[in-house]
Amino acid sequence: MAYTREEMTQLLQGVAADFEKLEHELQKAVVGQSEAVRTSLAALILGGHILIEGLPGTGKTHLGNSLAEILTLSSSRIQCTPDLMPTDIIGTYVIMETAQGRRAFEFQKGPLFASIVLADQINRTTPRTQSAMLEAMEQGSVTVSTENFALPDPFLIVATQNPLEQEGTYPLPEAQVDRFLFQTKTSMPKPDEMAVILQRSTGSQLPVLRSVMDGKRILKMRDIIRNITISDDLCRWCVSLLDASQPTGKSAVSAVKDYVRYGIGPRGVQALVLAAKFSAAVEARPDVTKNDVLKLALPVLRHRIFLNFRGEAEGISKDEILTQLIGK
């Protein structure tokens, strides 16, 4: 639906106010971790998914659980383990007997059929099970045998993972990683944040979260954000990142040539523009600026840069490469 500029300005004021409510409520449960909080909400509103990486105890699972509490949406949790099978998350056909004694196959839905799915420690399950989520993440549906089943809308996968250096982890397939709108990182709390966490987690009065929004409003916000305009020049600037991130690209920086196996793909540029529109929306602006593109560039792009052997061996930071790339 197209809106006039005056209508957009008014609608975006409502989007900004509603986002502030969501963020405020989520911060009751999650201390600090501002990037993780904002990108989780952005992924939900924009219709994407988020991958949260961090050391144990830094609030990854708590963030996913709290997100489900502040929304009147169905939620589920998948505890990813090495023996988890695709049918455990998608569902399977079972034989059911009717009151008349007849038997028929009936599809029993798995935990993937919820609006907010917390895939806890996703990189501890096997690639076979990880890849079972590909269709769900891309198309919002799953195919079982010859039937296609639609998933709820909105639909958000909040996947957590431990650093790959830890034992018992499997690297996610590149095709799946690219389907996450954001990859964010949780860090160890600062001393003042840790003091707040101790007061909240060890006292008798735990934070009580209230539900502040439903799915219809989330979908309405998504429609409004997609109507924000971005100039052709800024679109071309975003596209230039695609070429510059490829080691064989004409404008590739030295860090890309030395350490990158392959860089940002088309899905990454699309995600960058959507994230920029979101940044403009939460400030109630109907036009995207270059600063909007830069605000969420790292969580949008860091998982779309794949290092070569030299980059992996030398422990090169993807964020540093992206900073150099964007700076040029």
C-alpha atoms as a PDB file:
ATOM      1  CA  MET A   1       0.000   0.000   0.000  1.00  0.00           C
ATOM      2  CA  ALA A   2       1.338   3.412  -0.997  1.00  0.00           C
ATOM      3  CA  TYR A   3       1.215   6.350   1.423  1.00  0.00           C
ATOM      4  CA  THR A   4       1.658  10.095   0.963  1.00  0.00           C
ATOM      5  CA  ARG A   5       4.614  11.732   2.697  1.00  0.00           C
ATOM      6  CA  GLU A   6       2.333  13.260   5.340  1.00  0.00           C
ATOM      7  CA  GLU A   7       0.710   9.885   6.011  1.00  0.00           C
ATOM      8  CA  MET A   8       4.119   8.219   6.213  1.00  0.00           C
ATOM      9  CA  THR A   9       5.382  10.748   8.747  1.00  0.00           C
ATOM     10  CA  GLN A  10       2.341  10.179  10.940  1.00  0.00           C
ATOM     11  CA  LEU A  11       2.506   6.390  10.630  1.00  0.00           C
ATOM     12  CA  LEU A  12       6.234   6.344  11.367  1.00  0.00           C
ATOM     13  CA  GLN A  13       5.680   8.274  14.574  1.00  0.00           C
ATOM     14  CA  GLY A  14       3.458   5.383  15.674  1.00  0.00           C
ATOM     15  CA  VAL A  15       6.095   2.842  14.582  1.00  0.00           C
ATOM     16  CA  ALA A  16       8.787   4.666  16.550  1.00  0.00           C
ATOM     17  CA  ALA A  17       6.578   4.835  19.654  1.00  0.00           C
ATOM     18  CA  ASP A  18       5.664   1.141  19.464  1.00  0.00           C
ATOM     19  CA  PHE A  19       9.281   0.117  18.957  1.00  0.00           C
ATOM     20  CA  GLU A  20      10.260   2.139  22.014  1.00  0.00           C
ATOM     21  CA  LYS A  21       7.667   0.211  24.048  1.00  0.00           C
ATOM     22  CA  LEU A  22       9.048  -3.126  22.850  1.00  0.00           C
ATOM     23  CA  GLU A  23      12.641  -2.135  23.521  1.00  0.00           C
ATOM     24  CA  HIS A  24      11.833  -0.749  26.968  1.00  0.00           C
ATOM     25  CA  GLU A  25       9.970  -3.911  27.984  1.00  0.00           C
ATOM     26  CA  LEU A  26      12.734  -6.209  26.714  1.00  0.00           C
ATOM     27  CA  GLN A  27      15.377  -4.222  28.585  1.00  0.00           C
ATOM     28  CA  LYS A  28      13.582  -5.028  31.838  1.00  0.00           C
ATOM     29  CA  ALA A  29      14.853  -8.578  31.452  1.00  0.00           C
ATOM     30  CA  VAL A  30      18.076  -8.076  29.471  1.00  0.00           C
ATOM     31  CA  VAL A  31      20.704  -5.814  31.005  1.00  0.00           C
ATOM     32  CA  GLY A  32      23.002  -4.184  28.452  1.00  0.00           C
ATOM     33  CA  GLN A  33      23.471  -6.055  25.146  1.00  0.00           C
ATOM     34  CA  SER A  34      21.923  -3.108  23.283  1.00  0.00           C
ATOM     35  CA  GLU A  35      22.869  -4.405  19.820  1.00  0.00           C
ATOM     36  CA  ALA A  36      21.357  -7.835  20.511  1.00  0.00           C
ATOM     37  CA  VAL A  37      18.134  -6.312  21.858  1.00  0.00           C
ATOM     38  CA  ARG A  38      17.686  -3.927  18.934  1.00  0.00           C
ATOM     39  CA  THR A  39      18.548  -6.416  16.198  1.00  0.00           C
ATOM     40  CA  SER A  40      16.266  -9.090  17.693  1.00  0.00           C
ATOM     41  CA  LEU A  41      13.317  -6.714  17.533  1.00  0.00           C
ATOM     42  CA  ALA A  42      14.360  -5.519  14.076  1.00  0.00           C
ATOM     43  CA  ALA A  43      14.495  -9.101  12.776  1.00  0.00           C
ATOM     44  CA  LEU A  44      10.985  -9.762  14.068  1.00  0.00           C
ATOM     45  CA  ILE A  45       9.524  -6.589  12.587  1.00  0.00           C
ATOM     46  CA  LEU A  46      11.296  -6.943   9.232  1.00  0.00           C
ATOM     47  CA  GLY A  47      10.401 -10.624   8.817  1.00  0.00           C
ATOM     48  CA  GLY A  48      13.942 -11.973   9.159  1.00  0.00           C
ATOM     49  CA  HIS A  49      15.821 -14.196  11.593  1.00  0.00           C
ATOM     50  CA  ILE A  50      18.672 -13.615  14.000  1.00  0.00           C
ATOM     51  CA  LEU A  51      21.756 -15.586  15.022  1.00  0.00           C
ATOM     52  CA  ILE A  52      23.111 -14.696  18.462  1.00  0.00           C
ATOM     53  CA  GLU A  53      26.654 -15.787  19.302  1.00  0.00           C
ATOM     54  CA  GLY A  54      28.355 -15.541  22.664  1.00  0.00           C
ATOM     55  CA  LEU A  55      29.989 -17.350  25.526  1.00  0.00           C
ATOM     56  CA  PRO A  56      27.816 -19.366  27.933  1.00  0.00           C
ATOM     57  CA  GLY A  57      26.035 -17.234  30.505  1.00  0.00           C
ATOM     58  CA  THR A  58      25.887 -14.010  28.487  1.00  0.00           C
ATOM     59  CA  GLY A  59      22.097 -13.976  28.134  1.00  0.00           C
ATOM     60  CA  LYS A  60      21.499 -15.461  24.667  1.00  0.00           C
ATOM     61  CA  THR A  61      18.725 -17.865  25.667  1.00  0.00           C
ATOM     62  CA  HIS A  62      17.253 -15.401  28.160  1.00  0.00           C
ATOM     63  CA  LEU A  63      16.921 -12.826  25.386  1.00  0.00           C
ATOM     64  CA  GLY A  64      15.016 -15.268  23.165  1.00  0.00           C
ATOM     65  CA  ASN A  65      12.683 -16.322  25.976  1.00  0.00           C
ATOM     66  CA  SER A  66      12.025 -12.724  27.021  1.00  0.00           C
ATOM     67  CA  LEU A  67      11.210 -11.715  23.456  1.00  0.00           C
ATOM     68  CA  ALA A  68       8.442 -14.323  23.384  1.00  0.00           C
ATOM     69  CA  GLU A  69       7.033 -13.022  26.680  1.00  0.00           C
ATOM     70  CA  ILE A  70       6.485  -9.447  25.499  1.00  0.00           C
ATOM     71  CA  LEU A  71       4.465 -10.516  22.436  1.00  0.00           C
ATOM     72  CA  THR A  72       1.091 -12.246  22.180  1.00  0.00           C
ATOM     73  CA  LEU A  73       2.535 -14.794  19.760  1.00  0.00           C
ATOM     74  CA  SER A  74       2.993 -18.549  19.949  1.00  0.00           C
ATOM     75  CA  SER A  75       6.493 -19.625  20.891  1.00  0.00           C
ATOM     76  CA  SER A  76       8.526 -22.799  21.156  1.00  0.00           C
ATOM     77  CA  ARG A  77      12.027 -23.889  22.074  1.00  0.00           C
ATOM     78  CA  ILE A  78      14.249 -26.406  20.325  1.00  0.00           C
ATOM     79  CA  GLN A  79      17.124 -27.685  22.418  1.00  0.00           C
ATOM     80  CA  CYS A  80      19.664 -28.544  19.725  1.00  0.00           C
ATOM     81  CA  THR A  81      21.702 -31.676  20.469  1.00  0.00           C
ATOM     82  CA  PRO A  82      23.851 -33.967  18.266  1.00  0.00           C
ATOM     83  CA  ASP A  83      21.092 -36.605  18.109  1.00  0.00           C
ATOM     84  CA  LEU A  84      18.335 -34.167  17.047  1.00  0.00           C
ATOM     85  CA  MET A  85      16.687 -35.245  13.776  1.00  0.00           C
ATOM     86  CA  PRO A  86      14.874 -33.090  11.161  1.00  0.00           C
ATOM     87  CA  THR A  87      11.540 -34.736  12.016  1.00  0.00           C
ATOM     88  CA  ASP A  88      12.013 -33.662  15.649  1.00  0.00           C
ATOM     89  CA  ILE A  89      11.678 -30.015  14.655  1.00  0.00           C
ATOM     90  CA  ILE A  90       9.455 -30.142  11.550  1.00  0.00           C
ATOM     91  CA  GLY A  91       7.064 -32.911  12.552  1.00  0.00           C
ATOM     92  CA  THR A  92       6.040 -36.183  10.972  1.00  0.00           C
ATOM     93  CA  TYR A  93       3.067 -38.260   9.882  1.00  0.00           C
ATOM     94  CA  VAL A  94       1.617 -40.631  12.463  1.00  0.00           C
ATOM     95  CA  ILE A  95      -1.153 -43.201  12.207  1.00  0.00           C
ATOM     96  CA  MET A  96      -4.313 -42.025  13.965  1.00  0.00           C
ATOM     97  CA  GLU A  97      -7.410 -44.095  14.636  1.00  0.00           C
ATOM     98  CA  THR A  98     -10.849 -42.496  14.328  1.00  0.00           C
ATOM     99  CA  ALA A  99     -13.857 -43.190  16.560  1.00  0.00           C
ATOM    100  CA  GLN A 100     -15.174 -45.491  13.826  1.00  0.00           C
ATOM    101  CA  GLY A 101     -12.020 -47.589  13.992  1.00  0.00           C
ATOM    102  CA  ARG A 102     -10.541 -46.305  10.753  1.00  0.00           C
ATOM    103  CA  ARG A 103      -6.844 -45.539  10.525  1.00  0.00           C
ATOM    104  CA  ALA A 104      -5.355 -42.616   8.653  1.00  0.00           C
ATOM    105  CA  PHE A 105      -2.091 -40.726   8.468  1.00  0.00           C
ATOM    106  CA  GLU A 106      -2.162 -37.369  10.187  1.00  0.00           C
ATOM    107  CA  PHE A 107       0.628 -34.784  10.250  1.00  0.00           C
ATOM    108  CA  GLN A 108       1.766 -33.876  13.758  1.00  0.00           C
ATOM    109  CA  LYS A 109       3.410 -30.464  13.708  1.00  0.00           C
ATOM    110  CA  GLY A 110       6.784 -30.005  15.349  1.00  0.00           C
ATOM    111  CA  PRO A 111       8.075 -27.011  17.366  1.00  0.00           C
ATOM    112  CA  LEU A 112       8.946 -25.169  14.143  1.00  0.00           C
ATOM    113  CA  PHE A 113       5.238 -24.293  13.810  1.00  0.00           C
ATOM    114  CA  ALA A 114       5.339 -21.308  16.147  1.00  0.00           C
ATOM    115  CA  SER A 115       5.726 -17.580  15.564  1.00  0.00           C
ATOM    116  CA  ILE A 116       8.875 -17.296  17.696  1.00  0.00           C
ATOM    117  CA  VAL A 117      11.169 -20.314  17.646  1.00  0.00           C
ATOM    118  CA  LEU A 118      14.184 -20.351  19.947  1.00  0.00           C
ATOM    119  CA  ALA A 119      16.770 -22.719  18.459  1.00  0.00           C
ATOM    120  CA  ASP A 120      19.080 -22.991  21.444  1.00  0.00           C
ATOM    121  CA  GLN A 121      22.751 -23.801  20.705  1.00  0.00           C
ATOM    122  CA  ILE A 122      21.977 -24.442  17.039  1.00  0.00           C
ATOM    123  CA  ASN A 123      25.583 -25.289  16.184  1.00  0.00           C
ATOM    124  CA  ARG A 124      25.549 -28.294  18.533  1.00  0.00           C
ATOM    125  CA  THR A 125      23.246 -30.221  16.212  1.00  0.00           C
ATOM    126  CA  THR A 126      24.342 -31.860  12.981  1.00  0.00           C
ATOM    127  CA  PRO A 127      24.369 -30.093   9.578  1.00  0.00           C
ATOM    128  CA  ARG A 128      21.544 -32.393   8.426  1.00  0.00           C
ATOM    129  CA  THR A 129      19.213 -31.010  11.069  1.00  0.00           C
ATOM    130  CA  GLN A 130      20.478 -27.450  10.660  1.00  0.00           C
ATOM    131  CA  SER A 131      19.658 -27.560   6.950  1.00  0.00           C
ATOM    132  CA  ALA A 132      16.101 -28.704   7.714  1.00  0.00           C
ATOM    133  CA  MET A 133      15.370 -25.076   8.600  1.00  0.00           C
ATOM    134  CA  LEU A 134      16.411 -23.661   5.206  1.00  0.00           C
ATOM    135  CA  GLU A 135      12.988 -23.684   3.566  1.00  0.00           C
ATOM    136  CA  ALA A 136      11.320 -22.428   6.730  1.00  0.00           C
ATOM    137  CA  MET A 137      13.703 -19.461   6.993  1.00  0.00           C
ATOM    138  CA  GLU A 138      13.475 -18.486   3.334  1.00  0.00           C
ATOM    139  CA  GLN A 139       9.849 -19.142   2.414  1.00  0.00           C
ATOM    140  CA  GLY A 140       7.964 -19.417   5.702  1.00  0.00           C
ATOM    141  CA  SER A 141       6.829 -22.961   4.926  1.00  0.00           C
ATOM    142  CA  VAL A 142       7.997 -26.577   5.142  1.00  0.00           C
ATOM    143  CA  THR A 143       7.529 -29.481   2.755  1.00  0.00           C
ATOM    144  CA  VAL A 144       6.906 -32.946   4.166  1.00  0.00           C
ATOM    145  CA  SER A 145       6.561 -35.776   1.688  1.00  0.00           C
ATOM    146  CA  THR A 146       4.386 -34.223  -1.047  1.00  0.00           C
ATOM    147  CA  GLU A 147       2.603 -31.637   1.110  1.00  0.00           C
ATOM    148  CA  ASN A 148       3.539 -28.041   1.826  1.00  0.00           C
ATOM    149  CA  PHE A 149       2.641 -26.504   5.185  1.00  0.00           C
ATOM    150  CA  ALA A 150       2.628 -22.744   5.826  1.00  0.00           C
ATOM    151  CA  LEU A 151       4.240 -21.448   9.005  1.00  0.00           C
ATOM    152  CA  PRO A 152       2.739 -18.660  11.129  1.00  0.00           C
ATOM    153  CA  ASP A 153       3.252 -15.037  10.158  1.00  0.00           C
ATOM    154  CA  PRO A 154       5.091 -13.313  11.732  1.00  0.00           C
ATOM    155  CA  PHE A 155       7.712 -16.051  11.980  1.00  0.00           C
ATOM    156  CA  LEU A 156      11.064 -15.540  13.687  1.00  0.00           C
ATOM    157  CA  ILE A 157      13.897 -17.955  14.421  1.00  0.00           C
ATOM    158  CA  VAL A 158      16.121 -16.812  17.265  1.00  0.00           C
ATOM    159  CA  ALA A 159      19.148 -19.091  17.034  1.00  0.00           C
ATOM    160  CA  THR A 160      21.895 -19.057  19.636  1.00  0.00           C
ATOM    161  CA  GLN A 161      25.331 -20.525  19.197  1.00  0.00           C
ATOM    162  CA  ASN A 162      28.513 -20.888  21.171  1.00  0.00           C
ATOM    163  CA  PRO A 163      31.849 -19.877  19.602  1.00  0.00           C
ATOM    164  CA  LEU A 164      33.133 -22.538  17.201  1.00  0.00           C
ATOM    165  CA  GLU A 165      36.281 -22.963  19.273  1.00  0.00           C
ATOM    166  CA  GLN A 166      34.268 -24.763  21.950  1.00  0.00           C
ATOM    167  CA  GLU A 167      33.947 -28.546  21.931  1.00  0.00           C
ATOM    168  CA  GLY A 168      30.917 -30.253  20.401  1.00  0.00           C
ATOM    169  CA  THR A 169      30.072 -27.539  17.866  1.00  0.00           C
ATOM    170  CA  TYR A 170      29.427 -27.857  14.120  1.00  0.00           C
ATOM    171  CA  PRO A 171      29.865 -24.907  11.744  1.00  0.00           C
ATOM    172  CA  LEU A 172      26.593 -23.777  10.187  1.00  0.00           C
ATOM    173  CA  PRO A 173      26.321 -24.265   6.394  1.00  0.00           C
ATOM    174  CA  GLU A 174      27.005 -21.057   4.457  1.00  0.00           C
ATOM    175  CA  ALA A 175      23.566 -21.265   2.802  1.00  0.00           C
ATOM    176  CA  GLN A 176      21.885 -21.246   6.202  1.00  0.00           C
ATOM    177  CA  VAL A 177      24.054 -18.522   7.708  1.00  0.00           C
ATOM    178  CA  ASP A 178      23.188 -16.232   4.789  1.00  0.00           C
ATOM    179  CA  ARG A 179      19.471 -16.629   5.574  1.00  0.00           C
ATOM    180  CA  PHE A 180      19.856 -14.895   8.929  1.00  0.00           C
ATOM    181  CA  LEU A 181      19.073 -11.199   8.648  1.00  0.00           C
ATOM    182  CA  PHE A 182      21.431 -10.377  11.531  1.00  0.00           C
ATOM    183  CA  GLN A 183      24.259 -11.988  13.405  1.00  0.00           C
ATOM    184  CA  THR A 184      24.829 -10.294  16.715  1.00  0.00           C
ATOM    185  CA  LYS A 185      27.227 -11.014  19.549  1.00  0.00           C
ATOM    186  CA  THR A 186      26.637 -10.944  23.278  1.00  0.00           C
ATOM    187  CA  SER A 187      29.557  -9.736  25.363  1.00  0.00           C
ATOM    188  CA  MET A 188      30.512 -10.218  28.987  1.00  0.00           C
ATOM    189  CA  PRO A 189      28.663  -7.711  31.209  1.00  0.00           C
ATOM    190  CA  LYS A 190      30.469  -4.616  32.410  1.00  0.00           C
ATOM    191  CA  PRO A 191      30.955  -4.302  36.203  1.00  0.00           C
ATOM    192  CA  ASP A 192      28.013  -1.906  36.664  1.00  0.00           C
ATOM    193  CA  GLU A 193      25.797  -4.097  34.465  1.00  0.00           C
ATOM    194  CA  MET A 194      26.833  -7.182  36.425  1.00  0.00           C
ATOM    195  CA  ALA A 195      25.798  -5.459  39.649  1.00  0.00           C
ATOM    196  CA  VAL A 196      22.303  -4.864  38.214  1.00  0.00           C
ATOM    197  CA  ILE A 197      22.100  -8.478  36.998  1.00  0.00           C
ATOM    198  CA  LEU A 198      22.993  -9.746  40.476  1.00  0.00           C
ATOM    199  CA  GLN A 199      20.316  -7.602  42.104  1.00  0.00           C
ATOM    200  CA  ARG A 200      17.676  -8.815  39.642  1.00  0.00           C
ATOM    201  CA  SER A 201      18.617 -12.486  39.475  1.00  0.00           C
ATOM    202  CA  THR A 202      19.313 -13.210  43.130  1.00  0.00           C
ATOM    203  CA  GLY A 203      16.549 -11.170  44.753  1.00  0.00           C
ATOM    204  CA  SER A 204      13.023 -12.238  45.627  1.00  0.00           C
ATOM    205  CA  GLN A 205      11.371  -9.900  43.107  1.00  0.00           C
ATOM    206  CA  LEU A 206      12.188 -10.973  39.566  1.00  0.00           C
ATOM    207  CA  PRO A 207      11.313  -8.617  36.660  1.00  0.00           C
ATOM    208  CA  VAL A 208       7.767  -9.190  35.412  1.00  0.00           C
ATOM    209  CA  LEU A 209       7.339  -8.722  31.671  1.00  0.00           C
ATOM    210  CA  ARG A 210       4.019  -7.783  30.123  1.00  0.00           C
ATOM    211  CA  SER A 211       2.791  -8.463  26.612  1.00  0.00           C
ATOM    212  CA  VAL A 212       2.805  -5.194  24.692  1.00  0.00           C
ATOM    213  CA  MET A 213       2.058  -6.136  21.067  1.00  0.00           C
ATOM    214  CA  ASP A 214       0.352  -8.692  18.840  1.00  0.00           C
ATOM    215  CA  GLY A 215       1.163 -10.139  15.436  1.00  0.00           C
ATOM    216  CA  LYS A 216      -1.181  -7.866  13.492  1.00  0.00           C
ATOM    217  CA  ARG A 217       0.623  -4.766  14.683  1.00  0.00           C
ATOM    218  CA  ILE A 218       4.009  -6.314  13.843  1.00  0.00           C
ATOM    219  CA  LEU A 219       2.843  -6.991  10.268  1.00  0.00           C
ATOM    220  CA  LYS A 220       1.467  -3.452   9.971  1.00  0.00           C
ATOM    221  CA  MET A 221       4.782  -1.983  11.114  1.00  0.00           C
ATOM    222  CA  ARG A 222       6.574  -4.148   8.537  1.00  0.00           C
ATOM    223  CA  ASP A 223       4.365  -2.820   5.738  1.00  0.00           C
ATOM    224  CA  ILE A 224       4.975   0.792   6.773  1.00  0.00           C
ATOM    225  CA  ILE A 225       8.759   0.334   6.972  1.00  0.00           C
ATOM    226  CA  ARG A 226       8.920  -1.185   3.488  1.00  0.00           C
ATOM    227  CA  ASN A 227       7.310   2.003   2.131  1.00  0.00           C
ATOM    228  CA  ILE A 228      10.212   4.161   3.313  1.00  0.00           C
ATOM    229  CA  THR A 229      12.121   5.532   0.331  1.00  0.00           C
ATOM    230  CA  ILE A 230      15.827   5.173  -0.418  1.00  0.00           C
ATOM    231  CA  SER A 231      17.559   7.149  -3.157  1.00  0.00           C
ATOM    232  CA  ASP A 232      19.052   5.528  -6.246  1.00  0.00           C
ATOM    233  CA  ASP A 233      22.487   6.912  -5.327  1.00  0.00           C
ATOM    234  CA  LEU A 234      22.354   5.288  -1.894  1.00  0.00           C
ATOM    235  CA  CYS A 235      21.185   2.004  -3.427  1.00  0.00           C
ATOM    236  CA  ARG A 236      24.169   2.103  -5.779  1.00  0.00           C
ATOM    237  CA  TRP A 237      26.475   2.748  -2.834  1.00  0.00           C
ATOM    238  CA  CYS A 238      25.070  -0.359  -1.099  1.00  0.00           C
ATOM    239  CA  VAL A 239      25.553  -2.375  -4.292  1.00  0.00           C
ATOM    240  CA  SER A 240      29.170  -1.187  -4.518  1.00  0.00           C
ATOM    241  CA  LEU A 241      29.847  -3.004  -1.238  1.00  0.00           C
ATOM    242  CA  LEU A 242      29.011  -6.288  -2.968  1.00  0.00           C
ATOM    243  CA  ASP A 243      31.792  -5.851  -5.536  1.00  0.00           C
ATOM    244  CA  ALA A 244      34.255  -4.438  -3.020  1.00  0.00           C
ATOM    245  CA  SER A 245      33.754  -7.427  -0.687  1.00  0.00           C
ATOM    246  CA  GLN A 246      34.775  -9.966  -3.348  1.00  0.00           C
ATOM    247  CA  PRO A 247      38.516 -10.754  -3.518  1.00  0.00           C
ATOM    248  CA  THR A 248      38.320 -10.560  -7.320  1.00  0.00           C
ATOM    249  CA  GLY A 249      36.301  -7.316  -7.304  1.00  0.00           C
ATOM    250  CA  LYS A 250      37.724  -4.239  -9.015  1.00  0.00           C
ATOM    251  CA  SER A 251      37.368  -2.094  -5.894  1.00  0.00           C
ATOM    252  CA  ALA A 252      38.352  -4.742  -3.321  1.00  0.00           C
ATOM    253  CA  VAL A 253      40.428  -3.385  -0.438  1.00  0.00           C
ATOM    254  CA  SER A 254      43.685  -5.055   0.569  1.00  0.00           C
ATOM    255  CA  ALA A 255      42.168  -6.871   3.571  1.00  0.00           C
ATOM    256  CA  VAL A 256      39.554  -8.469   1.311  1.00  0.00           C
ATOM    257  CA  LYS A 257      42.144  -9.615  -1.228  1.00  0.00           C
ATOM    258  CA  ASP A 258      44.340 -11.098   1.493  1.00  0.00           C
ATOM    259  CA  TYR A 259      41.860 -12.730   3.857  1.00  0.00           C
ATOM    260  CA  VAL A 260      38.444 -13.240   2.200  1.00  0.00           C
ATOM    261  CA  ARG A 261      37.381 -16.386   0.332  1.00  0.00           C
ATOM    262  CA  TYR A 262      34.122 -14.840  -0.849  1.00  0.00           C
ATOM    263  CA  GLY A 263      32.105 -11.900   0.329  1.00  0.00           C
ATOM    264  CA  ILE A 264      28.667 -10.339   0.439  1.00  0.00           C
ATOM    265  CA  GLY A 265      25.980 -11.757  -1.840  1.00  0.00           C
ATOM    266  CA  PRO A 266      22.736 -10.273  -3.197  1.00  0.00           C
ATOM    267  CA  ARG A 267      20.772 -11.297  -0.106  1.00  0.00           C
ATOM    268  CA  GLY A 268      23.207  -9.289   2.005  1.00  0.00           C
ATOM    269  CA  VAL A 269      22.613  -6.073   0.069  1.00  0.00           C
ATOM    270  CA  GLN A 270      18.842  -6.555   0.338  1.00  0.00           C
ATOM    271  CA  ALA A 271      19.199  -7.058   4.090  1.00  0.00           C
ATOM    272  CA  LEU A 272      21.349  -3.918   4.369  1.00  0.00           C
ATOM    273  CA  VAL A 273      18.663  -1.773   2.717  1.00  0.00           C
ATOM    274  CA  LEU A 274      15.904  -3.249   4.884  1.00  0.00           C
ATOM    275  CA  ALA A 275      17.942  -2.627   8.042  1.00  0.00           C
ATOM    276  CA  ALA A 276      18.569   0.956   6.912  1.00  0.00           C
ATOM    277  CA  LYS A 277      14.816   1.484   6.459  1.00  0.00           C
ATOM    278  CA  PHE A 278      14.273   0.121   9.954  1.00  0.00           C
ATOM    279  CA  SER A 279      16.836   2.569  11.378  1.00  0.00           C
ATOM    280  CA  ALA A 280      15.022   5.441   9.695  1.00  0.00           C
ATOM    281  CA  ALA A 281      11.627   4.175  10.898  1.00  0.00           C
ATOM    282  CA  VAL A 282      12.516   4.085  14.598  1.00  0.00           C
ATOM    283  CA  GLU A 283      13.458   7.762  14.262  1.00  0.00           C
ATOM    284  CA  ALA A 284      10.189   8.485  12.414  1.00  0.00           C
ATOM    285  CA  ARG A 285      11.915   9.577   9.183  1.00  0.00           C
ATOM    286  CA  PRO A 286      10.390   8.681   5.780  1.00  0.00           C
ATOM    287  CA  ASP A 287      13.751   8.743   3.943  1.00  0.00           C
ATOM    288  CA  VAL A 288      16.914   6.665   4.375  1.00  0.00           C
ATOM    289  CA  THR A 289      20.243   8.406   4.906  1.00  0.00           C
ATOM    290  CA  LYS A 290      23.738   6.980   4.621  1.00  0.00           C
ATOM    291  CA  ASN A 291      23.994   7.045   8.409  1.00  0.00           C
ATOM    292  CA  ASP A 292      21.002   4.677   8.572  1.00  0.00           C
ATOM    293  CA  VAL A 293      22.874   2.211   6.354  1.00  0.00           C
ATOM    294  CA  LEU A 294      25.925   2.338   8.611  1.00  0.00           C
ATOM    295  CA  LYS A 295      24.092   1.879  11.929  1.00  0.00           C
ATOM    296  CA  LEU A 296      23.347  -1.842  11.501  1.00  0.00           C
ATOM    297  CA  ALA A 297      25.899  -2.659   8.798  1.00  0.00           C
ATOM    298  CA  LEU A 298      28.061  -4.876  11.031  1.00  0.00           C
ATOM    299  CA  PRO A 299      25.310  -7.211  12.350  1.00  0.00           C
ATOM    300  CA  VAL A 300      23.842  -7.391   8.818  1.00  0.00           C
ATOM    301  CA  LEU A 301      27.107  -8.211   7.033  1.00  0.00           C
ATOM    302  CA  ARG A 302      29.556  -9.875   9.438  1.00  0.00           C
ATOM    303  CA  HIS A 303      28.200 -13.383   8.832  1.00  0.00           C
ATOM    304  CA  ARG A 304      28.233 -12.879   5.059  1.00  0.00           C
ATOM    305  CA  ILE A 305      32.024 -12.528   4.894  1.00  0.00           C
ATOM    306  CA  PHE A 306      33.796 -15.891   4.637  1.00  0.00           C
ATOM    307  CA  LEU A 307      37.497 -15.964   5.433  1.00  0.00           C
ATOM    308  CA  ASN A 308      40.082 -17.967   3.525  1.00  0.00           C
ATOM    309  CA  PHE A 309      42.609 -20.248   5.183  1.00  0.00           C
ATOM    310  CA  ARG A 310      45.021 -17.410   5.875  1.00  0.00           C
ATOM    311  CA  GLY A 311      42.313 -15.284   7.455  1.00  0.00           C
ATOM    312  CA  GLU A 312      41.189 -18.152   9.676  1.00  0.00           C
ATOM    313  CA  ALA A 313      44.772 -19.041  10.671  1.00  0.00           C
ATOM    314  CA  GLU A 314      45.633 -15.462  11.596  1.00  0.00           C
ATOM    315  CA  GLY A 315      42.356 -14.912  13.451  1.00  0.00           C
ATOM    316  CA  ILE A 316      41.368 -11.913  11.363  1.00  0.00           C
ATOM    317  CA  SER A 317      38.308 -10.026  12.621  1.00  0.00           C
ATOM    318  CA  LYS A 318      35.442  -9.801  10.126  1.00  0.00           C
ATOM    319  CA  ASP A 319      34.315  -6.574  11.774  1.00  0.00           C
ATOM    320  CA  GLU A 320      37.707  -4.997  11.048  1.00  0.00           C
ATOM    321  CA  ILE A 321      37.485  -6.041   7.393  1.00  0.00           C
ATOM    322  CA  LEU A 322      33.988  -4.582   7.108  1.00  0.00           C
ATOM    323  CA  THR A 323      35.044  -1.360   8.803  1.00  0.00           C
ATOM    324  CA  GLN A 324      37.859  -0.953   6.282  1.00  0.00           C
ATOM    325  CA  LEU A 325      35.515  -1.882   3.441  1.00  0.00           C
ATOM    326  CA  ILE A 326      32.797   0.593   4.434  1.00  0.00           C
ATOM    327  CA  GLY A 327      35.369   3.300   5.097  1.00  0.00           C
ATOM    328  CA  LYS A 328      36.589   3.080   1.521  1.00  0.00           C
END
